[in-house]
Amino acid sequence: MPISSPLIHVRDLSKRFEVRRGALRQIVGHVHAVEGASFTIDRREVLGLAGESGSGKSTIARLLLRLIEPTSGQISFDGNDLLRLPAAELRQFRRRAAMPRSRPPRRRRIRACRAWSGGS
């Protein structure tokens, strides 16, 4: 069986958000949303992120799609460095990738409850 490179490779991914206060909006600190995340996803493999509310799951998804820029770290997709992609290639990548919802829309939850309870 041939050895292939991973589909997604993340190494030491970090994101810190600035905390600003006062009339001049001076930086008074940082919130460490993600610190040192590393993982590999091979082709035909699924990775599930589980954690408490506010643990950085959605931030990691946004970083992978480059909807927000990482403070540090490396992200590669199919051997390409996502942090160096030009804008046009990044748009193409985003069309192929999607961030899953953490909760289904309310309407679907209501229908699922009605179907389960036998209501119409």
PDB file of N, CA and C in Angstrom:
ATOM      1  N   MET A   1       0.841  -1.175   0.000  1.00  0.00           N
ATOM      2  CA  MET A   1       0.000   0.000   0.000  1.00  0.00           C
ATOM      3  C   MET A   1       0.889   1.243   0.000  1.00  0.00           C
ATOM      4  N   PRO A   2       0.701   2.175  -0.942  1.00  0.00           N
ATOM      5  CA  PRO A   2       1.559   3.350  -1.011  1.00  0.00           C
ATOM      6  C   PRO A   2       1.301   4.291   0.165  1.00  0.00           C
ATOM      7  N   ILE A   3       2.384   4.906   0.625  1.00  0.00           N
ATOM      8  CA  ILE A   3       2.269   5.883   1.709  1.00  0.00           C
ATOM      9  C   ILE A   3       1.866   7.219   1.092  1.00  0.00           C
ATOM     10  N   SER A   4       0.791   7.808   1.618  1.00  0.00           N
ATOM     11  CA  SER A   4       0.357   9.097   1.095  1.00  0.00           C
ATOM     12  C   SER A   4       0.451  10.149   2.193  1.00  0.00           C
ATOM     13  N   SER A   5       0.527  11.381   1.780  1.00  0.00           N
ATOM     14  CA  SER A   5       0.597  12.464   2.753  1.00  0.00           C
ATOM     15  C   SER A   5      -0.791  12.694   3.353  1.00  0.00           C
ATOM     16  N   PRO A   6      -0.858  13.230   4.555  1.00  0.00           N
ATOM     17  CA  PRO A   6      -2.165  13.469   5.172  1.00  0.00           C
ATOM     18  C   PRO A   6      -2.948  14.523   4.395  1.00  0.00           C
ATOM     19  N   LEU A   7      -4.266  14.441   4.469  1.00  0.00           N
ATOM     20  CA  LEU A   7      -5.109  15.438   3.817  1.00  0.00           C
ATOM     21  C   LEU A   7      -4.993  16.773   4.539  1.00  0.00           C
ATOM     22  N   ILE A   8      -5.080  16.728   5.869  1.00  0.00           N
ATOM     23  CA  ILE A   8      -4.928  17.942   6.681  1.00  0.00           C
ATOM     24  C   ILE A   8      -3.874  17.680   7.739  1.00  0.00           C
ATOM     25  N   HIS A   9      -2.945  18.609   7.854  1.00  0.00           N
ATOM     26  CA  HIS A   9      -1.909  18.514   8.882  1.00  0.00           C
ATOM     27  C   HIS A   9      -1.840  19.864   9.594  1.00  0.00           C
ATOM     28  N   VAL A  10      -2.059  19.841  10.900  1.00  0.00           N
ATOM     29  CA  VAL A  10      -2.030  21.055  11.718  1.00  0.00           C
ATOM     30  C   VAL A  10      -0.941  20.871  12.761  1.00  0.00           C
ATOM     31  N   ARG A  11      -0.102  21.895  12.903  1.00  0.00           N
ATOM     32  CA  ARG A  11       1.008  21.786  13.855  1.00  0.00           C
ATOM     33  C   ARG A  11       1.115  23.066  14.672  1.00  0.00           C
ATOM     34  N   ASP A  12       1.036  22.905  15.988  1.00  0.00           N
ATOM     35  CA  ASP A  12       1.227  24.005  16.951  1.00  0.00           C
ATOM     36  C   ASP A  12       0.363  25.226  16.645  1.00  0.00           C
ATOM     37  N   LEU A  13      -0.886  25.000  16.297  1.00  0.00           N
ATOM     38  CA  LEU A  13      -1.803  26.082  15.938  1.00  0.00           C
ATOM     39  C   LEU A  13      -2.236  26.845  17.184  1.00  0.00           C
ATOM     40  N   SER A  14      -2.120  28.163  17.133  1.00  0.00           N
ATOM     41  CA  SER A  14      -2.506  29.017  18.249  1.00  0.00           C
ATOM     42  C   SER A  14      -3.249  30.240  17.754  1.00  0.00           C
ATOM     43  N   LYS A  15      -4.188  30.707  18.574  1.00  0.00           N
ATOM     44  CA  LYS A  15      -4.902  31.949  18.279  1.00  0.00           C
ATOM     45  C   LYS A  15      -5.125  32.687  19.596  1.00  0.00           C
ATOM     46  N   ARG A  16      -4.638  33.914  19.627  1.00  0.00           N
ATOM     47  CA  ARG A  16      -4.855  34.801  20.767  1.00  0.00           C
ATOM     48  C   ARG A  16      -5.602  36.027  20.265  1.00  0.00           C
ATOM     49  N   PHE A  17      -6.634  36.391  20.998  1.00  0.00           N
ATOM     50  CA  PHE A  17      -7.396  37.595  20.672  1.00  0.00           C
ATOM     51  C   PHE A  17      -6.991  38.696  21.643  1.00  0.00           C
ATOM     52  N   GLU A  18      -6.854  39.918  21.118  1.00  0.00           N
ATOM     53  CA  GLU A  18      -6.496  41.056  21.959  1.00  0.00           C
ATOM     54  C   GLU A  18      -7.691  41.496  22.793  1.00  0.00           C
ATOM     55  N   VAL A  19      -7.423  41.893  24.027  1.00  0.00           N
ATOM     56  CA  VAL A  19      -8.439  42.478  24.895  1.00  0.00           C
ATOM     57  C   VAL A  19      -8.116  43.964  24.989  1.00  0.00           C
ATOM     58  N   ARG A  20      -9.070  44.791  24.580  1.00  0.00           N
ATOM     59  CA  ARG A  20      -8.857  46.246  24.584  1.00  0.00           C
ATOM     60  C   ARG A  20      -9.812  46.909  25.565  1.00  0.00           C
ATOM     61  N   ARG A  21      -9.325  47.972  26.210  1.00  0.00           N
ATOM     62  CA  ARG A  21     -10.136  48.705  27.168  1.00  0.00           C
ATOM     63  C   ARG A  21      -9.858  50.205  27.047  1.00  0.00           C
ATOM     64  N   GLY A  22     -10.791  50.976  27.562  1.00  0.00           N
ATOM     65  CA  GLY A  22     -10.610  52.416  27.646  1.00  0.00           C
ATOM     66  C   GLY A  22     -11.013  53.140  26.373  1.00  0.00           C
ATOM     67  N   ALA A  23     -11.028  54.455  26.470  1.00  0.00           N
ATOM     68  CA  ALA A  23     -11.439  55.308  25.353  1.00  0.00           C
ATOM     69  C   ALA A  23     -10.493  55.172  24.162  1.00  0.00           C
ATOM     70  N   LEU A  24      -9.213  54.914  24.440  1.00  0.00           N
ATOM     71  CA  LEU A  24      -8.232  54.778  23.355  1.00  0.00           C
ATOM     72  C   LEU A  24      -8.082  53.340  22.883  1.00  0.00           C
ATOM     73  N   ARG A  25      -8.891  52.444  23.461  1.00  0.00           N
ATOM     74  CA  ARG A  25      -8.908  51.029  23.076  1.00  0.00           C
ATOM     75  C   ARG A  25      -7.508  50.416  23.139  1.00  0.00           C
ATOM     76  N   GLN A  26      -6.817  50.666  24.239  1.00  0.00           N
ATOM     77  CA  GLN A  26      -5.478  50.122  24.423  1.00  0.00           C
ATOM     78  C   GLN A  26      -5.548  48.634  24.734  1.00  0.00           C
ATOM     79  N   ILE A  27      -4.548  47.910  24.254  1.00  0.00           N
ATOM     80  CA  ILE A  27      -4.476  46.474  24.515  1.00  0.00           C
ATOM     81  C   ILE A  27      -4.059  46.277  25.966  1.00  0.00           C
ATOM     82  N   VAL A  28      -4.897  45.545  26.717  1.00  0.00           N
ATOM     83  CA  VAL A  28      -4.613  45.302  28.133  1.00  0.00           C
ATOM     84  C   VAL A  28      -4.343  43.816  28.411  1.00  0.00           C
ATOM     85  N   GLY A  29      -4.484  42.991  27.397  1.00  0.00           N
ATOM     86  CA  GLY A  29      -4.240  41.571  27.587  1.00  0.00           C
ATOM     87  C   GLY A  29      -4.631  40.771  26.367  1.00  0.00           C
ATOM     88  N   HIS A  30      -4.574  39.459  26.514  1.00  0.00           N
ATOM     89  CA  HIS A  30      -4.926  38.549  25.430  1.00  0.00           C
ATOM     90  C   HIS A  30      -5.753  37.392  25.974  1.00  0.00           C
ATOM     91  N   VAL A  31      -6.662  36.898  25.149  1.00  0.00           N
ATOM     92  CA  VAL A  31      -7.402  35.681  25.450  1.00  0.00           C
ATOM     93  C   VAL A  31      -6.809  34.585  24.574  1.00  0.00           C
ATOM     94  N   HIS A  32      -6.381  33.514  25.206  1.00  0.00           N
ATOM     95  CA  HIS A  32      -5.786  32.381  24.478  1.00  0.00           C
ATOM     96  C   HIS A  32      -6.916  31.432  24.093  1.00  0.00           C
ATOM     97  N   ALA A  33      -7.435  31.581  22.873  1.00  0.00           N
ATOM     98  CA  ALA A  33      -8.562  30.763  22.414  1.00  0.00           C
ATOM     99  C   ALA A  33      -8.121  29.348  22.048  1.00  0.00           C
ATOM    100  N   VAL A  34      -6.985  29.235  21.374  1.00  0.00           N
ATOM    101  CA  VAL A  34      -6.413  27.942  20.982  1.00  0.00           C
ATOM    102  C   VAL A  34      -4.920  28.050  21.230  1.00  0.00           C
ATOM    103  N   GLU A  35      -4.346  27.032  21.847  1.00  0.00           N
ATOM    104  CA  GLU A  35      -2.921  27.094  22.157  1.00  0.00           C
ATOM    105  C   GLU A  35      -2.262  25.754  21.850  1.00  0.00           C
ATOM    106  N   GLY A  36      -1.443  25.721  20.799  1.00  0.00           N
ATOM    107  CA  GLY A  36      -0.622  24.552  20.487  1.00  0.00           C
ATOM    108  C   GLY A  36      -1.366  23.327  19.974  1.00  0.00           C
ATOM    109  N   ALA A  37      -2.456  23.516  19.240  1.00  0.00           N
ATOM    110  CA  ALA A  37      -3.215  22.381  18.704  1.00  0.00           C
ATOM    111  C   ALA A  37      -2.442  21.735  17.550  1.00  0.00           C
ATOM    112  N   SER A  38      -2.347  20.414  17.585  1.00  0.00           N
ATOM    113  CA  SER A  38      -1.680  19.655  16.521  1.00  0.00           C
ATOM    114  C   SER A  38      -2.481  18.388  16.243  1.00  0.00           C
ATOM    115  N   PHE A  39      -2.730  18.116  14.966  1.00  0.00           N
ATOM    116  CA  PHE A  39      -3.405  16.881  14.578  1.00  0.00           C
ATOM    117  C   PHE A  39      -3.223  16.648  13.091  1.00  0.00           C
ATOM    118  N   THR A  40      -3.482  15.418  12.675  1.00  0.00           N
ATOM    119  CA  THR A  40      -3.401  15.020  11.280  1.00  0.00           C
ATOM    120  C   THR A  40      -4.680  14.273  10.932  1.00  0.00           C
ATOM    121  N   ILE A  41      -5.228  14.572   9.766  1.00  0.00           N
ATOM    122  CA  ILE A  41      -6.396  13.855   9.269  1.00  0.00           C
ATOM    123  C   ILE A  41      -6.019  13.259   7.916  1.00  0.00           C
ATOM    124  N   ASP A  42      -6.076  11.941   7.849  1.00  0.00           N
ATOM    125  CA  ASP A  42      -5.770  11.254   6.597  1.00  0.00           C
ATOM    126  C   ASP A  42      -7.009  11.205   5.708  1.00  0.00           C
ATOM    127  N   ARG A  43      -6.799  10.873   4.462  1.00  0.00           N
ATOM    128  CA  ARG A  43      -7.914  10.729   3.539  1.00  0.00           C
ATOM    129  C   ARG A  43      -8.879   9.663   4.067  1.00  0.00           C
ATOM    130  N   ARG A  44     -10.165   9.902   3.869  1.00  0.00           N
ATOM    131  CA  ARG A  44     -11.229   8.988   4.306  1.00  0.00           C
ATOM    132  C   ARG A  44     -11.271   8.800   5.820  1.00  0.00           C
ATOM    133  N   GLU A  45     -10.748   9.766   6.533  1.00  0.00           N
ATOM    134  CA  GLU A  45     -10.755   9.722   7.986  1.00  0.00           C
ATOM    135  C   GLU A  45     -11.586  10.899   8.495  1.00  0.00           C
ATOM    136  N   VAL A  46     -12.218  10.728   9.636  1.00  0.00           N
ATOM    137  CA  VAL A  46     -13.045  11.771  10.225  1.00  0.00           C
ATOM    138  C   VAL A  46     -12.486  12.102  11.600  1.00  0.00           C
ATOM    139  N   LEU A  47     -12.432  13.379  11.918  1.00  0.00           N
ATOM    140  CA  LEU A  47     -11.991  13.825  13.231  1.00  0.00           C
ATOM    141  C   LEU A  47     -13.129  14.591  13.882  1.00  0.00           C
ATOM    142  N   GLY A  48     -13.466  14.233  15.091  1.00  0.00           N
ATOM    143  CA  GLY A  48     -14.475  14.964  15.839  1.00  0.00           C
ATOM    144  C   GLY A  48     -13.808  15.715  16.971  1.00  0.00           C
ATOM    145  N   LEU A  49     -14.122  16.993  17.111  1.00  0.00           N
ATOM    146  CA  LEU A  49     -13.594  17.792  18.215  1.00  0.00           C
ATOM    147  C   LEU A  49     -14.667  17.864  19.289  1.00  0.00           C
ATOM    148  N   ALA A  50     -14.322  17.457  20.477  1.00  0.00           N
ATOM    149  CA  ALA A  50     -15.261  17.508  21.596  1.00  0.00           C
ATOM    150  C   ALA A  50     -14.632  18.327  22.706  1.00  0.00           C
ATOM    151  N   GLY A  51     -15.464  19.067  23.403  1.00  0.00           N
ATOM    152  CA  GLY A  51     -14.958  19.854  24.515  1.00  0.00           C
ATOM    153  C   GLY A  51     -16.048  20.731  25.077  1.00  0.00           C
ATOM    154  N   GLU A  52     -15.729  21.363  26.177  1.00  0.00           N
ATOM    155  CA  GLU A  52     -16.684  22.240  26.829  1.00  0.00           C
ATOM    156  C   GLU A  52     -16.939  23.479  25.983  1.00  0.00           C
ATOM    157  N   SER A  53     -18.010  24.156  26.295  1.00  0.00           N
ATOM    158  CA  SER A  53     -18.320  25.423  25.645  1.00  0.00           C
ATOM    159  C   SER A  53     -17.153  26.386  25.894  1.00  0.00           C
ATOM    160  N   GLY A  54     -16.707  27.028  24.821  1.00  0.00           N
ATOM    161  CA  GLY A  54     -15.605  27.976  24.947  1.00  0.00           C
ATOM    162  C   GLY A  54     -14.229  27.350  24.913  1.00  0.00           C
ATOM    163  N   SER A  55     -14.145  26.067  24.559  1.00  0.00           N
ATOM    164  CA  SER A  55     -12.839  25.397  24.568  1.00  0.00           C
ATOM    165  C   SER A  55     -12.048  25.580  23.274  1.00  0.00           C
ATOM    166  N   GLY A  56     -12.647  26.204  22.251  1.00  0.00           N
ATOM    167  CA  GLY A  56     -11.899  26.501  21.031  1.00  0.00           C
ATOM    168  C   GLY A  56     -12.251  25.659  19.819  1.00  0.00           C
ATOM    169  N   LYS A  57     -13.301  24.850  19.905  1.00  0.00           N
ATOM    170  CA  LYS A  57     -13.665  23.971  18.773  1.00  0.00           C
ATOM    171  C   LYS A  57     -14.010  24.781  17.524  1.00  0.00           C
ATOM    172  N   SER A  58     -14.895  25.739  17.658  1.00  0.00           N
ATOM    173  CA  SER A  58     -15.292  26.562  16.497  1.00  0.00           C
ATOM    174  C   SER A  58     -14.145  27.442  16.032  1.00  0.00           C
ATOM    175  N   THR A  59     -13.312  27.893  16.949  1.00  0.00           N
ATOM    176  CA  THR A  59     -12.148  28.702  16.565  1.00  0.00           C
ATOM    177  C   THR A  59     -11.209  27.883  15.693  1.00  0.00           C
ATOM    178  N   ILE A  60     -10.997  26.612  16.028  1.00  0.00           N
ATOM    179  CA  ILE A  60     -10.148  25.752  15.198  1.00  0.00           C
ATOM    180  C   ILE A  60     -10.747  25.615  13.800  1.00  0.00           C
ATOM    181  N   ALA A  61     -12.064  25.419  13.703  1.00  0.00           N
ATOM    182  CA  ALA A  61     -12.710  25.307  12.385  1.00  0.00           C
ATOM    183  C   ALA A  61     -12.526  26.603  11.594  1.00  0.00           C
ATOM    184  N   ARG A  62     -12.699  27.745  12.234  1.00  0.00           N
ATOM    185  CA  ARG A  62     -12.517  29.032  11.538  1.00  0.00           C
ATOM    186  C   ARG A  62     -11.067  29.230  11.102  1.00  0.00           C
ATOM    187  N   LEU A  63     -10.130  28.769  11.930  1.00  0.00           N
ATOM    188  CA  LEU A  63      -8.715  28.853  11.554  1.00  0.00           C
ATOM    189  C   LEU A  63      -8.409  27.970  10.352  1.00  0.00           C
ATOM    190  N   LEU A  64      -8.985  26.765  10.319  1.00  0.00           N
ATOM    191  CA  LEU A  64      -8.737  25.856   9.196  1.00  0.00           C
ATOM    192  C   LEU A  64      -9.241  26.434   7.885  1.00  0.00           C
ATOM    193  N   LEU A  65     -10.347  27.182   7.936  1.00  0.00           N
ATOM    194  CA  LEU A  65     -10.895  27.809   6.726  1.00  0.00           C
ATOM    195  C   LEU A  65     -10.290  29.191   6.474  1.00  0.00           C
ATOM    196  N   ARG A  66      -9.435  29.618   7.370  1.00  0.00           N
ATOM    197  CA  ARG A  66      -8.815  30.941   7.344  1.00  0.00           C
ATOM    198  C   ARG A  66      -9.860  32.052   7.337  1.00  0.00           C
ATOM    199  N   LEU A  67     -10.940  31.837   8.059  1.00  0.00           N
ATOM    200  CA  LEU A  67     -11.908  32.908   8.282  1.00  0.00           C
ATOM    201  C   LEU A  67     -11.338  33.878   9.307  1.00  0.00           C
ATOM    202  N   ILE A  68     -10.463  33.364  10.158  1.00  0.00           N
ATOM    203  CA  ILE A  68      -9.633  34.186  11.036  1.00  0.00           C
ATOM    204  C   ILE A  68      -8.202  33.682  10.879  1.00  0.00           C
ATOM    205  N   GLU A  69      -7.248  34.563  11.099  1.00  0.00           N
ATOM    206  CA  GLU A  69      -5.840  34.209  10.910  1.00  0.00           C
ATOM    207  C   GLU A  69      -5.242  33.716  12.227  1.00  0.00           C
ATOM    208  N   PRO A  70      -4.418  32.668  12.176  1.00  0.00           N
ATOM    209  CA  PRO A  70      -3.796  32.173  13.406  1.00  0.00           C
ATOM    210  C   PRO A  70      -2.713  33.124  13.907  1.00  0.00           C
ATOM    211  N   THR A  71      -2.473  33.084  15.199  1.00  0.00           N
ATOM    212  CA  THR A  71      -1.365  33.826  15.789  1.00  0.00           C
ATOM    213  C   THR A  71      -0.056  33.139  15.426  1.00  0.00           C
ATOM    214  N   SER A  72      -0.076  31.801  15.453  1.00  0.00           N
ATOM    215  CA  SER A  72       1.105  31.029  15.061  1.00  0.00           C
ATOM    216  C   SER A  72       0.672  29.617  14.687  1.00  0.00           C
ATOM    217  N   GLY A  73       1.598  28.882  14.087  1.00  0.00           N
ATOM    218  CA  GLY A  73       1.332  27.501  13.722  1.00  0.00           C
ATOM    219  C   GLY A  73       1.345  27.284  12.226  1.00  0.00           C
ATOM    220  N   GLN A  74       1.091  26.028  11.847  1.00  0.00           N
ATOM    221  CA  GLN A  74       1.097  25.629  10.445  1.00  0.00           C
ATOM    222  C   GLN A  74      -0.161  24.842  10.132  1.00  0.00           C
ATOM    223  N   ILE A  75      -0.724  25.090   8.934  1.00  0.00           N
ATOM    224  CA  ILE A  75      -1.885  24.347   8.451  1.00  0.00           C
ATOM    225  C   ILE A  75      -1.603  23.966   7.004  1.00  0.00           C
ATOM    226  N   SER A  76      -1.670  22.670   6.707  1.00  0.00           N
ATOM    227  CA  SER A  76      -1.538  22.270   5.302  1.00  0.00           C
ATOM    228  C   SER A  76      -2.738  21.417   4.919  1.00  0.00           C
ATOM    229  N   PHE A  77      -3.168  21.588   3.677  1.00  0.00           N
ATOM    230  CA  PHE A  77      -4.272  20.822   3.120  1.00  0.00           C
ATOM    231  C   PHE A  77      -3.788  20.204   1.825  1.00  0.00           C
ATOM    232  N   ASP A  78      -3.802  18.887   1.757  1.00  0.00           N
ATOM    233  CA  ASP A  78      -3.361  18.157   0.568  1.00  0.00           C
ATOM    234  C   ASP A  78      -1.959  18.592   0.134  1.00  0.00           C
ATOM    235  N   GLY A  79      -1.099  18.820   1.126  1.00  0.00           N
ATOM    236  CA  GLY A  79       0.284  19.192   0.844  1.00  0.00           C
ATOM    237  C   GLY A  79       0.523  20.667   0.597  1.00  0.00           C
ATOM    238  N   ASN A  80      -0.530  21.478   0.540  1.00  0.00           N
ATOM    239  CA  ASN A  80      -0.382  22.913   0.295  1.00  0.00           C
ATOM    240  C   ASN A  80      -0.478  23.689   1.600  1.00  0.00           C
ATOM    241  N   ASP A  81       0.412  24.648   1.777  1.00  0.00           N
ATOM    242  CA  ASP A  81       0.407  25.492   2.970  1.00  0.00           C
ATOM    243  C   ASP A  81      -0.752  26.480   2.868  1.00  0.00           C
ATOM    244  N   LEU A  82      -1.785  26.278   3.682  1.00  0.00           N
ATOM    245  CA  LEU A  82      -2.970  27.151   3.613  1.00  0.00           C
ATOM    246  C   LEU A  82      -2.660  28.585   4.016  1.00  0.00           C
ATOM    247  N   LEU A  83      -1.644  28.785   4.835  1.00  0.00           N
ATOM    248  CA  LEU A  83      -1.334  30.135   5.302  1.00  0.00           C
ATOM    249  C   LEU A  83      -0.612  30.964   4.242  1.00  0.00           C
ATOM    250  N   ARG A  84      -0.216  30.326   3.159  1.00  0.00           N
ATOM    251  CA  ARG A  84       0.464  31.047   2.072  1.00  0.00           C
ATOM    252  C   ARG A  84      -0.367  31.107   0.792  1.00  0.00           C
ATOM    253  N   LEU A  85      -1.594  30.613   0.837  1.00  0.00           N
ATOM    254  CA  LEU A  85      -2.429  30.612  -0.366  1.00  0.00           C
ATOM    255  C   LEU A  85      -2.816  32.041  -0.774  1.00  0.00           C
ATOM    256  N   PRO A  86      -2.700  32.358  -2.058  1.00  0.00           N
ATOM    257  CA  PRO A  86      -3.207  33.645  -2.539  1.00  0.00           C
ATOM    258  C   PRO A  86      -4.734  33.689  -2.414  1.00  0.00           C
ATOM    259  N   ALA A  87      -5.298  34.875  -2.435  1.00  0.00           N
ATOM    260  CA  ALA A  87      -6.736  35.075  -2.208  1.00  0.00           C
ATOM    261  C   ALA A  87      -7.603  34.232  -3.151  1.00  0.00           C
ATOM    262  N   ALA A  88      -7.251  34.159  -4.433  1.00  0.00           N
ATOM    263  CA  ALA A  88      -8.067  33.405  -5.398  1.00  0.00           C
ATOM    264  C   ALA A  88      -8.072  31.913  -5.064  1.00  0.00           C
ATOM    265  N   GLU A  89      -6.912  31.369  -4.702  1.00  0.00           N
ATOM    266  CA  GLU A  89      -6.843  29.954  -4.349  1.00  0.00           C
ATOM    267  C   GLU A  89      -7.534  29.682  -3.021  1.00  0.00           C
ATOM    268  N   LEU A  90      -7.481  30.639  -2.113  1.00  0.00           N
ATOM    269  CA  LEU A  90      -8.165  30.490  -0.832  1.00  0.00           C
ATOM    270  C   LEU A  90      -9.679  30.423  -1.041  1.00  0.00           C
ATOM    271  N   ARG A  91     -10.195  31.236  -1.947  1.00  0.00           N
ATOM    272  CA  ARG A  91     -11.635  31.181  -2.259  1.00  0.00           C
ATOM    273  C   ARG A  91     -12.014  29.817  -2.832  1.00  0.00           C
ATOM    274  N   GLN A  92     -11.183  29.279  -3.716  1.00  0.00           N
ATOM    275  CA  GLN A  92     -11.447  27.944  -4.279  1.00  0.00           C
ATOM    276  C   GLN A  92     -11.434  26.889  -3.173  1.00  0.00           C
ATOM    277  N   PHE A  93     -10.478  26.987  -2.266  1.00  0.00           N
ATOM    278  CA  PHE A  93     -10.401  26.040  -1.154  1.00  0.00           C
ATOM    279  C   PHE A  93     -11.663  26.107  -0.298  1.00  0.00           C
ATOM    280  N   ARG A  94     -12.124  27.310   0.002  1.00  0.00           N
ATOM    281  CA  ARG A  94     -13.315  27.470   0.842  1.00  0.00           C
ATOM    282  C   ARG A  94     -14.565  26.908   0.174  1.00  0.00           C
ATOM    283  N   ARG A  95     -14.614  26.929  -1.153  1.00  0.00           N
ATOM    284  CA  ARG A  95     -15.762  26.331  -1.855  1.00  0.00           C
ATOM    285  C   ARG A  95     -15.789  24.816  -1.658  1.00  0.00           C
ATOM    286  N   ARG A  96     -14.615  24.206  -1.535  1.00  0.00           N
ATOM    287  CA  ARG A  96     -14.513  22.746  -1.373  1.00  0.00           C
ATOM    288  C   ARG A  96     -14.694  22.308   0.077  1.00  0.00           C
ATOM    289  N   ALA A  97     -14.423  23.222   0.999  1.00  0.00           N
ATOM    290  CA  ALA A  97     -14.484  22.889   2.424  1.00  0.00           C
ATOM    291  C   ALA A  97     -15.690  23.581   3.048  1.00  0.00           C
ATOM    292  N   ALA A  98     -16.125  23.066   4.177  1.00  0.00           N
ATOM    293  CA  ALA A  98     -17.250  23.684   4.876  1.00  0.00           C
ATOM    294  C   ALA A  98     -17.122  23.408   6.361  1.00  0.00           C
ATOM    295  N   MET A  99     -17.590  24.346   7.159  1.00  0.00           N
ATOM    296  CA  MET A  99     -17.568  24.180   8.602  1.00  0.00           C
ATOM    297  C   MET A  99     -18.910  23.619   9.044  1.00  0.00           C
ATOM    298  N   PRO A 100     -18.911  22.483   9.733  1.00  0.00           N
ATOM    299  CA  PRO A 100     -20.190  21.924  10.182  1.00  0.00           C
ATOM    300  C   PRO A 100     -20.817  22.791  11.260  1.00  0.00           C
ATOM    301  N   ARG A 101     -22.142  22.770  11.320  1.00  0.00           N
ATOM    302  CA  ARG A 101     -22.848  23.512  12.362  1.00  0.00           C
ATOM    303  C   ARG A 101     -22.699  22.782  13.684  1.00  0.00           C
ATOM    304  N   SER A 102     -22.590  23.559  14.746  1.00  0.00           N
ATOM    305  CA  SER A 102     -22.516  22.911  16.052  1.00  0.00           C
ATOM    306  C   SER A 102     -23.898  22.526  16.550  1.00  0.00           C
ATOM    307  N   ARG A 103     -24.941  23.210  16.073  1.00  0.00           N
ATOM    308  CA  ARG A 103     -26.323  22.852  16.418  1.00  0.00           C
ATOM    309  C   ARG A 103     -27.165  22.959  15.158  1.00  0.00           C
ATOM    310  N   PRO A 104     -28.095  22.035  14.971  1.00  0.00           N
ATOM    311  CA  PRO A 104     -28.967  22.157  13.800  1.00  0.00           C
ATOM    312  C   PRO A 104     -29.894  23.355  13.963  1.00  0.00           C
ATOM    313  N   PRO A 105     -30.402  23.917  12.858  1.00  0.00           N
ATOM    314  CA  PRO A 105     -31.332  25.032  12.963  1.00  0.00           C
ATOM    315  C   PRO A 105     -32.537  24.654  13.825  1.00  0.00           C
ATOM    316  N   ARG A 106     -33.127  25.636  14.493  1.00  0.00           N
ATOM    317  CA  ARG A 106     -34.235  25.405  15.423  1.00  0.00           C
ATOM    318  C   ARG A 106     -35.399  24.680  14.750  1.00  0.00           C
ATOM    319  N   ARG A 107     -35.717  25.035  13.540  1.00  0.00           N
ATOM    320  CA  ARG A 107     -36.842  24.421  12.829  1.00  0.00           C
ATOM    321  C   ARG A 107     -36.657  22.905  12.726  1.00  0.00           C
ATOM    322  N   ARG A 108     -35.437  22.454  12.415  1.00  0.00           N
ATOM    323  CA  ARG A 108     -35.177  21.016  12.312  1.00  0.00           C
ATOM    324  C   ARG A 108     -35.316  20.333  13.665  1.00  0.00           C
ATOM    325  N   ARG A 109     -34.859  20.988  14.726  1.00  0.00           N
ATOM    326  CA  ARG A 109     -34.980  20.391  16.057  1.00  0.00           C
ATOM    327  C   ARG A 109     -36.449  20.208  16.419  1.00  0.00           C
ATOM    328  N   ILE A 110     -37.282  21.186  16.086  1.00  0.00           N
ATOM    329  CA  ILE A 110     -38.710  21.099  16.396  1.00  0.00           C
ATOM    330  C   ILE A 110     -39.327  19.947  15.624  1.00  0.00           C
ATOM    331  N   ARG A 111     -39.023  19.842  14.328  1.00  0.00           N
ATOM    332  CA  ARG A 111     -39.569  18.744  13.523  1.00  0.00           C
ATOM    333  C   ARG A 111     -39.119  17.401  14.068  1.00  0.00           C
ATOM    334  N   ALA A 112     -37.851  17.299  14.463  1.00  0.00           N
ATOM    335  CA  ALA A 112     -37.341  16.039  15.004  1.00  0.00           C
ATOM    336  C   ALA A 112     -38.077  15.681  16.287  1.00  0.00           C
ATOM    337  N   CYS A 113     -38.349  16.661  17.136  1.00  0.00           N
ATOM    338  CA  CYS A 113     -39.075  16.407  18.385  1.00  0.00           C
ATOM    339  C   CYS A 113     -40.505  15.956  18.084  1.00  0.00           C
ATOM    340  N   ARG A 114     -41.161  16.613  17.137  1.00  0.00           N
ATOM    341  CA  ARG A 114     -42.528  16.238  16.793  1.00  0.00           C
ATOM    342  C   ARG A 114     -42.581  14.826  16.222  1.00  0.00           C
ATOM    343  N   ALA A 115     -41.614  14.511  15.359  1.00  0.00           N
ATOM    344  CA  ALA A 115     -41.606  13.181  14.746  1.00  0.00           C
ATOM    345  C   ALA A 115     -41.356  12.116  15.807  1.00  0.00           C
ATOM    346  N   TRP A 116     -40.479  12.420  16.743  1.00  0.00           N
ATOM    347  CA  TRP A 116     -40.169  11.458  17.787  1.00  0.00           C
ATOM    348  C   TRP A 116     -41.357  11.260  18.731  1.00  0.00           C
ATOM    349  N   SER A 117     -42.070  12.357  19.009  1.00  0.00           N
ATOM    350  CA  SER A 117     -43.186  12.256  19.960  1.00  0.00           C
ATOM    351  C   SER A 117     -44.472  11.766  19.296  1.00  0.00           C
ATOM    352  N   GLY A 118     -44.422  11.591  17.978  1.00  0.00           N
ATOM    353  CA  GLY A 118     -45.601  11.115  17.268  1.00  0.00           C
ATOM    354  C   GLY A 118     -46.529  12.227  16.834  1.00  0.00           C
ATOM    355  N   GLY A 119     -46.153  13.493  17.079  1.00  0.00           N
ATOM    356  CA  GLY A 119     -46.979  14.640  16.651  1.00  0.00           C
ATOM    357  C   GLY A 119     -46.818  14.919  15.181  1.00  0.00           C
ATOM    358  N   SER A 120     -47.604  15.855  14.655  1.00  0.00           N
ATOM    359  CA  SER A 120     -47.511  16.159  13.228  1.00  0.00           C
ATOM    360  C   SER A 120     -46.791  17.446  12.970  1.00  0.00           C
TER     361      SER A 120
END
